[in-house]
Amino acid sequence: MTNSSTDSLLFWRDLTPFPVPLCKPTSSSPRVLIVGGGVTGLVTAWVLLDRGYHVTVIAKEWASHGKQQRLTSQIAGALWEFPPAVCGQHTDAISLQHSKRWCMIAYHIWDAVAASKELAELSGVRMKAADFFFPVPIEKDPDQLSKMLEIMSSGVRGFRRDANITKERRINLSYGAVDAYEHLAPIIDTDQSMKWLTKLVTQKGAELITRIIAGDLFHQEDILRAEFNVDVIINATGLAGTELAGDSSCYPIRGGLIRVINDGTDFPKLDHALIITAGAVHDSSEIVFIVPRNDHILLLGGVTEPHQTELSLTLDSAIIKRMRARCEAFLPSLKNARVDPEYPLAQGLRPARQRNVRVERELRMHRSTEVGEAAPSPSRIVHSYGQGGAGWSLSFGCAGDVAALVEEALLDLPARAMSAETVAALPPVPVKAAAKAPMQPRHGSRAMLKL
C-alpha cells in the first residue's frame, strides 16, 4: 500500500485509468467499506484501489440508463465550476477554502482524462468553453471580481475576459448581460461517466454489493466492520447523512434540467456552456444554465428548491416553465428546441448541509460500558458528504483528503474537526490586467492510450 505524503492527487502518479490497481494489494493490505455508489463513493474507491486497499462498495442502487429515475450523480449538470458554484451553495469559510483546493485537484484530473481521445470517449469527459455572463461590469461587483481574479490565477486553461462574448454567442442583448468571461472546463456526460467509473473500480478489484444500510453507522460500526471484514468505513451517501451520520443539518435541494436535442436541426448546435450564476444576479431563482451533456443533448436549467423532497416536477410545472422561458429569453434560438423524447426532464435532490461540506473522521468516541476498561477509543468512520450540486467538481479533491483520513484512522489517531486553515494566498492578478485578459493557449497531451 502506498503512503500519501502529499496533499494533492496527480493523474498517472497517484491513479491511472487502467483496469488494474496502480499498487497491487496483498493479503495484509487494509480493507475499506464505502457506503454510497454515487460519484463521491466511486471516485473514492478508485483512489483507494490504486493505493493498494481492498475495497467493498455498498449501495441501495446503482447508475441506470433507462427512462426510470436516475441517480443524483447522473442528474447533476456536471459542469466543473470554481466555488461558489451556480447554485450558490458552499459559501461558508470552511467549505470555500477547502472547495477551492478540492475543485482544482479535480480540474486537473478531469483535464488529463479528457486529453486522451480514447479515454474521453470512454469516460464522457470533455474540455469545453464555459462562458459566464454578468448584468453589470465585473469591477462593480466585488464578490464576482474577487472570484474572477482567483480563477485567473488558479491554473484553469483558456481564460478570456471579453464583453463581446455576448455577441459571439448570440445572446439576447436586451436580457441585460453586459460583461463576460470564459475558460475551459470539464463538462461530463454523467450517464457515460458513471458507467465507466463503475466498470473501472470493478476491474481494479472492488466488490459491489446492493444493500440498504439503515441507522447511525457509529452505533453499528463494530458489527459492520466484522460483517464485511474491514478496517475502516467511509460514508459517502449524500442525503443519507441525516440517518447514517446522525447529522440533522443535512437537507435536499431539488433541481431540474430540461433535456433538448442538440443536433443542429432546430437551432445552431451548441458546443459550449452558457451560465448566469446565482451570485451574479444575487437570486438563486434566476439561474441560466445551458450546458451540452454530450454530442446530442443540451441541458437547460436551472432551479434550486431547498427542503423540497418530492421528485414531482413535470415539464408543465410552473417553475420548470419559467426556467425554460428564462433560457429562451437569454438565447432566443432555443425557442425551437425539441425535448428529448426518451428522458425530457431530469430532476434530483442535491445533498446539501447547513454547515460546511463534511470531509472528516467521525468525531464521536467509543466508550466501553465495562468497569475498568481502557479510555475511549476513536471511531474508524470517515465521512464525505454534503457536496450539494458540486459532487463532480469536488470529487477527486475530496477523495484525496478521505485517503489521508483513512490512514489516520488506521493508526487510531485522535479525530480532528474540519476548520478553515491558514494558507498562503494566491498571487494577486492586477485588476487592469483582468479587464481584457486574452485567451490562454491550449496545451496538454493528446497521447492515445490503450485502456
Protein backbone atom coordinates (compact mmCIF):
# COMPACT_ATOMS: atom_id res chain seq x y z
CA MET A 1 0.00 0.00 0.00
CA THR A 2 1.31 3.44 -0.92
CA ASN A 3 1.67 6.27 1.54
CA SER A 4 0.09 9.63 0.82
CA SER A 5 2.67 12.19 1.81
CA THR A 6 1.31 14.97 -0.40
CA ASP A 7 -1.90 16.94 -0.14
CA SER A 8 -2.79 16.60 -3.81
CA LEU A 9 -3.61 13.86 -6.27
CA LEU A 10 -1.92 13.65 -9.66
CA PHE A 11 -3.18 11.62 -12.57
CA TRP A 12 -0.73 8.88 -13.63
CA ARG A 13 1.32 9.29 -10.44
CA ASP A 14 -1.42 8.51 -7.91
CA LEU A 15 -4.14 6.93 -10.03
CA THR A 16 -4.49 5.56 -13.53
CA PRO A 17 -7.40 4.61 -15.81
CA PHE A 18 -6.02 1.13 -16.42
CA PRO A 19 -8.12 -1.87 -15.35
CA VAL A 20 -5.60 -2.97 -12.70
CA PRO A 21 -4.68 -1.22 -9.45
CA LEU A 22 -1.61 1.01 -9.54
CA CYS A 23 -0.42 -0.67 -6.33
CA LYS A 24 -1.45 -4.31 -6.08
CA PRO A 25 -2.94 -5.21 -2.68
CA THR A 26 -1.66 -8.08 -0.58
CA SER A 27 -3.46 -10.31 1.88
CA SER A 28 -2.41 -7.93 4.67
CA SER A 29 -3.47 -4.71 2.93
CA PRO A 30 -6.14 -2.68 4.77
CA ARG A 31 -9.77 -3.26 3.88
CA VAL A 32 -12.30 -0.47 3.43
CA LEU A 33 -16.09 -0.41 3.17
CA ILE A 34 -17.53 2.53 1.21
CA VAL A 35 -21.23 3.21 1.74
CA GLY A 36 -22.59 5.04 -1.32
CA GLY A 37 -22.44 4.30 -5.04
CA GLY A 38 -22.57 7.82 -6.47
CA VAL A 39 -19.68 9.81 -7.94
CA THR A 40 -18.21 10.56 -4.49
CA GLY A 41 -18.19 6.90 -3.49
CA LEU A 42 -16.85 5.58 -6.81
CA VAL A 43 -14.08 8.16 -7.15
CA THR A 44 -13.05 7.48 -3.55
CA ALA A 45 -12.99 3.77 -4.36
CA TRP A 46 -10.76 4.43 -7.38
CA VAL A 47 -8.27 6.44 -5.34
CA LEU A 48 -8.06 3.81 -2.59
CA LEU A 49 -7.84 0.88 -5.01
CA ASP A 50 -4.83 2.46 -6.72
CA ARG A 51 -3.23 2.86 -3.28
CA GLY A 52 -3.44 -0.86 -2.67
CA TYR A 53 -6.54 -1.14 -0.48
CA HIS A 54 -9.12 -3.88 -0.63
CA VAL A 55 -12.39 -2.02 -1.31
CA THR A 56 -16.03 -3.00 -0.95
CA VAL A 57 -18.72 -0.55 -2.10
CA ILE A 58 -22.27 -0.97 -0.85
CA ALA A 59 -25.25 0.97 -2.22
CA LYS A 60 -29.01 0.63 -2.36
CA GLU A 61 -28.94 1.26 -6.13
CA TRP A 62 -26.52 1.90 -8.96
CA ALA A 63 -26.43 4.03 -12.08
CA SER A 64 -29.22 3.17 -14.53
CA HIS A 65 -29.80 4.26 -18.10
CA GLY A 66 -33.48 3.76 -18.86
CA LYS A 67 -36.50 6.02 -18.51
CA GLN A 68 -36.79 5.46 -14.77
CA GLN A 69 -35.47 7.90 -12.15
CA ARG A 70 -31.67 8.03 -12.25
CA LEU A 71 -29.12 8.59 -9.50
CA THR A 72 -28.47 12.13 -8.29
CA SER A 73 -24.94 11.82 -9.68
CA GLN A 74 -26.47 11.22 -13.13
CA ILE A 75 -28.97 14.06 -12.84
CA ALA A 76 -26.25 16.59 -11.98
CA GLY A 77 -25.37 19.28 -14.50
CA ALA A 78 -21.71 18.19 -14.10
CA LEU A 79 -20.14 21.40 -15.38
CA TRP A 80 -16.93 21.96 -13.43
CA GLU A 81 -17.05 25.25 -11.57
CA PHE A 82 -14.82 27.23 -9.27
CA PRO A 83 -16.69 27.81 -5.98
CA PRO A 84 -19.08 29.17 -5.04
CA ALA A 85 -20.88 27.41 -7.90
CA VAL A 86 -24.01 28.28 -9.89
CA CYS A 87 -26.50 27.09 -7.30
CA GLY A 88 -24.94 29.38 -4.69
CA GLN A 89 -24.01 26.74 -2.10
CA HIS A 90 -20.77 26.36 -0.14
CA THR A 91 -20.38 29.98 0.86
CA ASP A 92 -19.20 29.34 4.42
CA ALA A 93 -15.50 29.93 5.11
CA ILE A 94 -14.59 26.29 5.77
CA SER A 95 -16.29 24.96 2.63
CA LEU A 96 -14.98 27.74 0.42
CA GLN A 97 -11.38 27.28 1.43
CA HIS A 98 -11.39 23.51 1.09
CA SER A 99 -13.57 23.54 -2.03
CA LYS A 100 -11.20 25.83 -3.90
CA ARG A 101 -8.40 23.33 -3.36
CA TRP A 102 -10.59 20.28 -4.00
CA CYS A 103 -12.01 21.64 -7.24
CA MET A 104 -8.57 22.37 -8.73
CA ILE A 105 -7.40 18.83 -7.98
CA ALA A 106 -10.49 17.55 -9.80
CA TYR A 107 -9.99 20.05 -12.64
CA HIS A 108 -6.51 18.80 -13.47
CA ILE A 109 -7.51 15.13 -13.25
CA TRP A 110 -10.59 15.55 -15.44
CA ASP A 111 -8.45 17.60 -17.84
CA ALA A 112 -5.91 14.77 -18.03
CA VAL A 113 -8.71 12.26 -18.66
CA ALA A 114 -10.10 14.40 -21.49
CA ALA A 115 -6.64 14.81 -23.06
CA SER A 116 -6.84 11.29 -24.49
CA LYS A 117 -9.40 10.91 -27.27
CA GLU A 118 -9.99 7.27 -26.38
CA LEU A 119 -10.31 7.94 -22.66
CA ALA A 120 -12.56 10.94 -23.27
CA GLU A 121 -14.94 8.69 -25.22
CA LEU A 122 -14.94 6.01 -22.52
CA SER A 123 -15.41 8.45 -19.63
CA GLY A 124 -17.73 11.00 -21.23
CA VAL A 125 -15.43 13.86 -20.18
CA ARG A 126 -14.72 16.81 -22.49
CA MET A 127 -12.92 20.11 -22.01
CA LYS A 128 -15.16 22.82 -23.46
CA ALA A 129 -15.53 26.57 -23.21
CA ALA A 130 -17.71 27.69 -20.31
CA ASP A 131 -18.98 31.28 -20.62
CA PHE A 132 -20.14 33.23 -17.57
CA PHE A 133 -22.26 36.38 -18.02
CA PHE A 134 -22.90 39.31 -15.68
CA PRO A 135 -25.56 42.06 -15.51
CA VAL A 136 -23.00 44.73 -14.52
CA PRO A 137 -19.31 45.27 -15.28
CA ILE A 138 -17.48 42.78 -13.08
CA GLU A 139 -15.48 45.55 -11.37
CA LYS A 140 -18.75 46.85 -9.92
CA ASP A 141 -19.47 43.56 -8.13
CA PRO A 142 -16.69 42.99 -5.54
CA ASP A 143 -17.59 39.33 -4.97
CA GLN A 144 -17.56 38.48 -8.67
CA LEU A 145 -14.37 40.46 -9.24
CA SER A 146 -12.64 38.60 -6.41
CA LYS A 147 -13.83 35.26 -7.80
CA MET A 148 -12.66 36.12 -11.32
CA LEU A 149 -9.20 37.10 -10.09
CA GLU A 150 -8.93 33.82 -8.20
CA ILE A 151 -9.96 31.87 -11.29
CA MET A 152 -7.35 33.66 -13.39
CA SER A 153 -4.57 32.69 -11.00
CA SER A 154 -5.88 29.20 -10.20
CA GLY A 155 -4.46 27.28 -13.13
CA VAL A 156 -7.57 26.89 -15.32
CA ARG A 157 -6.87 26.93 -19.03
CA GLY A 158 -8.20 29.20 -21.72
CA PHE A 159 -9.26 32.15 -19.57
CA ARG A 160 -10.59 35.11 -21.54
CA ARG A 161 -12.44 38.13 -20.22
CA ASP A 162 -14.34 39.95 -23.00
CA ALA A 163 -17.75 41.61 -23.02
CA ASN A 164 -18.02 40.76 -26.73
CA ILE A 165 -18.59 37.13 -25.81
CA THR A 166 -22.28 38.10 -25.55
CA LYS A 167 -22.32 38.91 -29.28
CA GLU A 168 -20.20 35.91 -30.24
CA ARG A 169 -22.65 33.56 -28.54
CA ARG A 170 -25.73 35.35 -29.96
CA ILE A 171 -27.04 36.23 -26.53
CA ASN A 172 -30.15 38.43 -26.45
CA LEU A 173 -28.61 41.82 -25.65
CA SER A 174 -31.87 43.02 -24.12
CA TYR A 175 -31.56 40.32 -21.45
CA GLY A 176 -29.04 42.54 -19.69
CA ALA A 177 -25.74 40.68 -19.85
CA VAL A 178 -23.07 43.38 -20.20
CA ASP A 179 -19.87 41.56 -19.22
CA ALA A 180 -18.47 38.06 -19.57
CA TYR A 181 -15.52 35.75 -19.26
CA GLU A 182 -14.82 32.20 -20.32
CA HIS A 183 -12.40 29.39 -19.59
CA LEU A 184 -12.06 25.76 -20.49
CA ALA A 185 -13.88 23.46 -18.09
CA PRO A 186 -14.58 19.75 -17.76
CA ILE A 187 -18.12 19.02 -18.95
CA ILE A 188 -19.19 15.49 -18.12
CA ASP A 189 -21.74 13.14 -19.64
CA THR A 190 -22.77 11.74 -16.28
CA ASP A 191 -24.56 8.66 -17.61
CA GLN A 192 -21.47 7.59 -19.55
CA SER A 193 -19.07 8.57 -16.77
CA MET A 194 -20.95 6.68 -14.05
CA LYS A 195 -20.99 3.61 -16.28
CA TRP A 196 -17.24 3.99 -16.82
CA LEU A 197 -16.43 4.58 -13.15
CA THR A 198 -18.49 1.59 -12.05
CA LYS A 199 -16.73 -0.69 -14.54
CA LEU A 200 -13.30 0.75 -13.71
CA VAL A 201 -13.46 0.18 -9.96
CA THR A 202 -14.82 -3.32 -10.54
CA GLN A 203 -11.91 -4.10 -12.87
CA LYS A 204 -9.48 -2.79 -10.26
CA GLY A 205 -10.87 -5.23 -7.73
CA ALA A 206 -13.73 -3.52 -5.88
CA GLU A 207 -16.62 -5.69 -4.73
CA LEU A 208 -20.01 -4.04 -5.33
CA ILE A 209 -22.90 -5.05 -3.06
CA THR A 210 -26.51 -3.92 -3.43
CA ARG A 211 -27.99 -3.40 0.01
CA ILE A 212 -29.60 -0.77 2.21
CA ILE A 213 -27.88 0.12 5.47
CA ALA A 214 -30.18 1.89 7.93
CA GLY A 215 -29.39 3.70 11.15
CA ASP A 216 -26.41 5.59 12.52
CA LEU A 217 -23.17 3.97 11.32
CA PHE A 218 -21.43 4.88 14.57
CA HIS A 219 -23.77 2.70 16.63
CA GLN A 220 -23.24 -0.32 14.37
CA GLU A 221 -19.60 0.26 13.46
CA ASP A 222 -18.22 -2.87 15.14
CA ILE A 223 -20.98 -5.05 13.66
CA LEU A 224 -20.41 -3.75 10.11
CA ARG A 225 -16.64 -3.99 10.34
CA ALA A 226 -16.94 -7.59 11.47
CA GLU A 227 -19.58 -8.50 8.88
CA PHE A 228 -17.60 -7.09 5.94
CA ASN A 229 -14.16 -7.80 7.43
CA VAL A 230 -12.97 -4.20 7.02
CA ASP A 231 -10.72 -1.87 8.94
CA VAL A 232 -12.38 1.44 8.02
CA ILE A 233 -15.87 2.54 6.92
CA ILE A 234 -16.37 5.52 4.59
CA ASN A 235 -19.75 7.28 4.49
CA ALA A 236 -20.29 8.74 1.01
CA THR A 237 -24.09 8.59 0.95
CA GLY A 238 -25.17 12.19 0.33
CA LEU A 239 -28.59 12.90 1.79
CA ALA A 240 -28.48 9.76 3.90
CA GLY A 241 -26.04 11.61 6.17
CA THR A 242 -29.07 12.59 8.23
CA GLU A 243 -29.55 8.96 9.21
CA LEU A 244 -26.14 7.33 8.74
CA ALA A 245 -24.14 10.10 10.42
CA GLY A 246 -26.77 11.33 12.86
CA ASP A 247 -26.48 14.73 11.15
CA SER A 248 -29.68 16.77 11.32
CA SER A 249 -28.09 19.58 9.29
CA CYS A 250 -28.43 17.64 6.00
CA TYR A 251 -31.23 18.72 3.67
CA PRO A 252 -32.20 18.33 -0.01
CA ILE A 253 -32.14 20.99 -2.70
CA ARG A 254 -34.43 19.93 -5.52
CA GLY A 255 -33.21 20.70 -9.00
CA GLY A 256 -34.44 20.11 -12.53
CA LEU A 257 -32.95 20.22 -16.02
CA ILE A 258 -34.76 20.08 -19.36
CA ARG A 259 -33.00 17.90 -21.93
CA VAL A 260 -33.32 19.11 -25.55
CA ILE A 261 -32.00 17.71 -28.83
CA ASN A 262 -28.74 19.43 -29.78
CA ASP A 263 -28.10 18.18 -33.33
CA GLY A 264 -28.15 21.47 -35.23
CA THR A 265 -31.59 20.87 -36.74
CA ASP A 266 -33.72 23.24 -34.68
CA PHE A 267 -31.05 25.75 -33.59
CA PRO A 268 -27.32 26.18 -34.19
CA LYS A 269 -25.60 23.36 -32.31
CA LEU A 270 -24.07 24.46 -29.01
CA ASP A 271 -20.67 23.12 -28.06
CA HIS A 272 -20.05 25.41 -25.09
CA ALA A 273 -21.71 26.21 -21.77
CA LEU A 274 -23.57 29.49 -21.09
CA ILE A 275 -24.20 30.48 -17.47
CA ILE A 276 -25.55 33.31 -15.36
CA THR A 277 -24.77 32.34 -11.78
CA ALA A 278 -26.86 32.88 -8.67
CA GLY A 279 -24.06 35.03 -7.30
CA ALA A 280 -24.10 37.34 -10.30
CA VAL A 281 -27.82 38.12 -10.03
CA HIS A 282 -27.93 37.58 -6.24
CA ASP A 283 -31.02 35.42 -6.66
CA SER A 284 -30.83 31.63 -6.94
CA SER A 285 -34.20 31.58 -8.74
CA GLU A 286 -32.76 33.42 -11.74
CA ILE A 287 -30.05 30.99 -12.80
CA VAL A 288 -29.39 30.46 -16.51
CA PHE A 289 -27.60 27.17 -17.05
CA ILE A 290 -27.19 25.94 -20.65
CA VAL A 291 -24.74 23.07 -20.90
CA PRO A 292 -24.06 20.41 -23.57
CA ARG A 293 -24.45 16.98 -21.94
CA ASN A 294 -22.98 15.07 -24.88
CA ASP A 295 -22.91 15.32 -28.67
CA HIS A 296 -26.70 15.13 -28.93
CA ILE A 297 -28.27 16.51 -25.72
CA LEU A 298 -28.28 20.04 -24.32
CA LEU A 299 -29.31 20.79 -20.73
CA LEU A 300 -31.45 23.81 -19.86
CA GLY A 301 -31.57 24.94 -16.24
CA GLY A 302 -31.68 25.58 -13.53
CA VAL A 303 -33.68 25.74 -10.33
CA THR A 304 -32.84 25.37 -6.66
CA GLU A 305 -35.61 24.46 -4.22
CA PRO A 306 -34.25 23.87 -0.71
CA HIS A 307 -36.09 21.38 1.53
CA GLN A 308 -38.26 20.06 -1.30
CA THR A 309 -38.21 16.27 -1.01
CA GLU A 310 -40.63 15.09 -3.71
CA LEU A 311 -39.48 14.31 -7.25
CA SER A 312 -42.78 15.54 -8.64
CA LEU A 313 -41.71 18.11 -11.22
CA THR A 314 -43.00 17.89 -14.80
CA LEU A 315 -42.50 19.94 -17.94
CA ASP A 316 -45.78 21.65 -17.02
CA SER A 317 -44.68 22.65 -13.52
CA ALA A 318 -44.69 26.43 -13.19
CA ILE A 319 -41.08 26.60 -12.00
CA ILE A 320 -39.92 24.46 -14.96
CA LYS A 321 -41.88 26.60 -17.44
CA ARG A 322 -40.25 29.74 -16.01
CA MET A 323 -36.84 28.06 -16.23
CA ARG A 324 -37.29 27.28 -19.90
CA ALA A 325 -38.67 30.74 -20.64
CA ARG A 326 -35.62 32.24 -18.93
CA CYS A 327 -33.23 30.21 -21.10
CA GLU A 328 -35.16 31.10 -24.27
CA ALA A 329 -35.16 34.79 -23.40
CA PHE A 330 -31.41 34.61 -22.84
CA LEU A 331 -30.69 32.62 -26.03
CA PRO A 332 -33.66 33.13 -28.39
CA SER A 333 -32.67 30.35 -30.80
CA LEU A 334 -33.71 27.84 -28.12
CA LYS A 335 -37.40 28.64 -28.74
CA ASN A 336 -37.37 26.00 -31.45
CA ALA A 337 -35.70 23.32 -29.32
CA ARG A 338 -37.28 19.85 -29.10
CA VAL A 339 -37.18 17.99 -25.81
CA ASP A 340 -35.50 14.60 -25.62
CA PRO A 341 -38.39 12.13 -26.05
CA GLU A 342 -36.58 9.43 -24.06
CA TYR A 343 -35.77 11.49 -20.95
CA PRO A 344 -37.17 15.03 -21.28
CA LEU A 345 -36.82 16.22 -17.68
CA ALA A 346 -34.05 15.26 -15.26
CA GLN A 347 -34.75 16.02 -11.62
CA GLY A 348 -32.98 15.15 -8.41
CA LEU A 349 -32.20 16.13 -4.84
CA ARG A 350 -28.82 17.75 -4.26
CA PRO A 351 -27.37 16.57 -0.91
CA ALA A 352 -26.71 19.82 0.95
CA ARG A 353 -25.75 20.60 4.52
CA GLN A 354 -26.47 23.66 6.66
CA ARG A 355 -22.85 23.63 7.74
CA ASN A 356 -19.74 23.04 5.65
CA VAL A 357 -19.14 20.16 3.26
CA ARG A 358 -18.13 17.35 5.58
CA VAL A 359 -14.88 15.53 4.82
CA GLU A 360 -13.68 14.44 8.24
CA ARG A 361 -13.48 11.48 10.57
CA GLU A 362 -16.28 10.63 12.94
CA LEU A 363 -15.75 12.83 16.00
CA ARG A 364 -17.69 10.73 18.49
CA MET A 365 -15.65 8.36 20.64
CA HIS A 366 -16.48 4.77 21.53
CA ARG A 367 -16.76 4.31 25.28
CA SER A 368 -16.64 0.95 26.98
CA THR A 369 -19.55 0.05 29.25
CA GLU A 370 -17.43 -2.29 31.33
CA VAL A 371 -15.76 -1.17 34.57
CA GLY A 372 -12.00 -0.86 34.39
CA GLU A 373 -11.85 -0.78 30.60
CA ALA A 374 -9.42 1.46 28.68
CA ALA A 375 -10.04 5.09 27.78
CA PRO A 376 -12.50 5.94 24.98
CA SER A 377 -11.29 4.88 21.54
CA PRO A 378 -11.63 6.81 18.26
CA SER A 379 -14.04 5.70 15.57
CA ARG A 380 -12.77 4.38 12.25
CA ILE A 381 -15.54 6.01 10.23
CA VAL A 382 -14.63 8.68 7.66
CA HIS A 383 -17.34 10.96 6.23
CA SER A 384 -17.55 12.57 2.79
CA TYR A 385 -20.95 14.17 2.14
CA GLY A 386 -22.75 17.50 1.82
CA GLN A 387 -21.19 18.40 -1.55
CA GLY A 388 -24.57 19.71 -2.76
CA GLY A 389 -24.57 20.19 -6.52
CA ALA A 390 -20.77 20.12 -6.76
CA GLY A 391 -20.01 16.42 -6.38
CA TRP A 392 -18.31 16.11 -9.76
CA SER A 393 -16.35 19.34 -9.32
CA LEU A 394 -15.03 18.33 -5.89
CA SER A 395 -14.77 14.58 -6.45
CA PHE A 396 -11.04 13.88 -6.60
CA GLY A 397 -10.15 16.60 -4.12
CA CYS A 398 -12.48 15.14 -1.50
CA ALA A 399 -11.25 11.61 -2.28
CA GLY A 400 -7.64 12.63 -1.71
CA ASP A 401 -8.49 14.02 1.71
CA VAL A 402 -10.51 10.92 2.54
CA ALA A 403 -7.48 8.76 1.72
CA ALA A 404 -5.38 10.74 4.18
CA LEU A 405 -8.08 10.45 6.85
CA VAL A 406 -8.26 6.69 6.30
CA GLU A 407 -4.54 6.47 7.06
CA GLU A 408 -5.09 8.43 10.28
CA ALA A 409 -7.98 6.17 11.24
CA LEU A 410 -5.86 3.05 10.72
CA LEU A 411 -3.39 4.46 13.24
CA ASP A 412 -6.24 5.28 15.67
CA LEU A 413 -5.04 8.86 15.91
CA PRO A 414 -7.41 11.36 17.54
CA ALA A 415 -10.00 12.73 15.09
CA ARG A 416 -9.93 16.44 14.28
CA ALA A 417 -12.86 18.60 13.25
CA MET A 418 -12.71 20.39 9.90
CA SER A 419 -11.68 24.01 10.11
CA ALA A 420 -10.51 26.88 7.95
CA GLU A 421 -6.77 26.62 7.61
CA THR A 422 -4.15 29.33 7.29
CA VAL A 423 -2.72 29.02 3.79
CA ALA A 424 -0.60 31.18 1.55
CA ALA A 425 -2.70 33.38 -0.71
CA LEU A 426 -2.54 33.01 -4.47
CA PRO A 427 -0.51 35.71 -6.24
CA PRO A 428 -2.84 38.62 -6.97
CA VAL A 429 -3.78 39.49 -10.54
CA PRO A 430 -3.89 43.24 -11.20
CA VAL A 431 -7.39 44.48 -11.94
CA LYS A 432 -6.19 46.27 -15.07
CA ALA A 433 -4.79 43.02 -16.39
CA ALA A 434 -8.11 41.35 -15.75
CA ALA A 435 -10.04 43.95 -17.68
CA LYS A 436 -9.11 42.40 -21.02
CA ALA A 437 -7.42 39.11 -20.33
CA PRO A 438 -6.54 37.26 -23.56
CA MET A 439 -7.23 33.62 -24.29
CA GLN A 440 -4.55 31.40 -22.83
CA PRO A 441 -3.03 28.87 -25.23
CA ARG A 442 -4.42 25.36 -25.08
CA HIS A 443 -1.92 22.68 -24.23
CA GLY A 444 -1.82 19.16 -22.90
CA SER A 445 -1.11 15.67 -24.03
CA ARG A 446 -3.16 14.15 -26.80
CA ALA A 447 -1.50 10.76 -26.50
CA MET A 448 -3.56 7.76 -27.49
CA LEU A 449 -3.92 5.17 -24.73
CA LYS A 450 -4.86 1.53 -24.89
CA LEU A 451 -7.30 1.16 -22.00
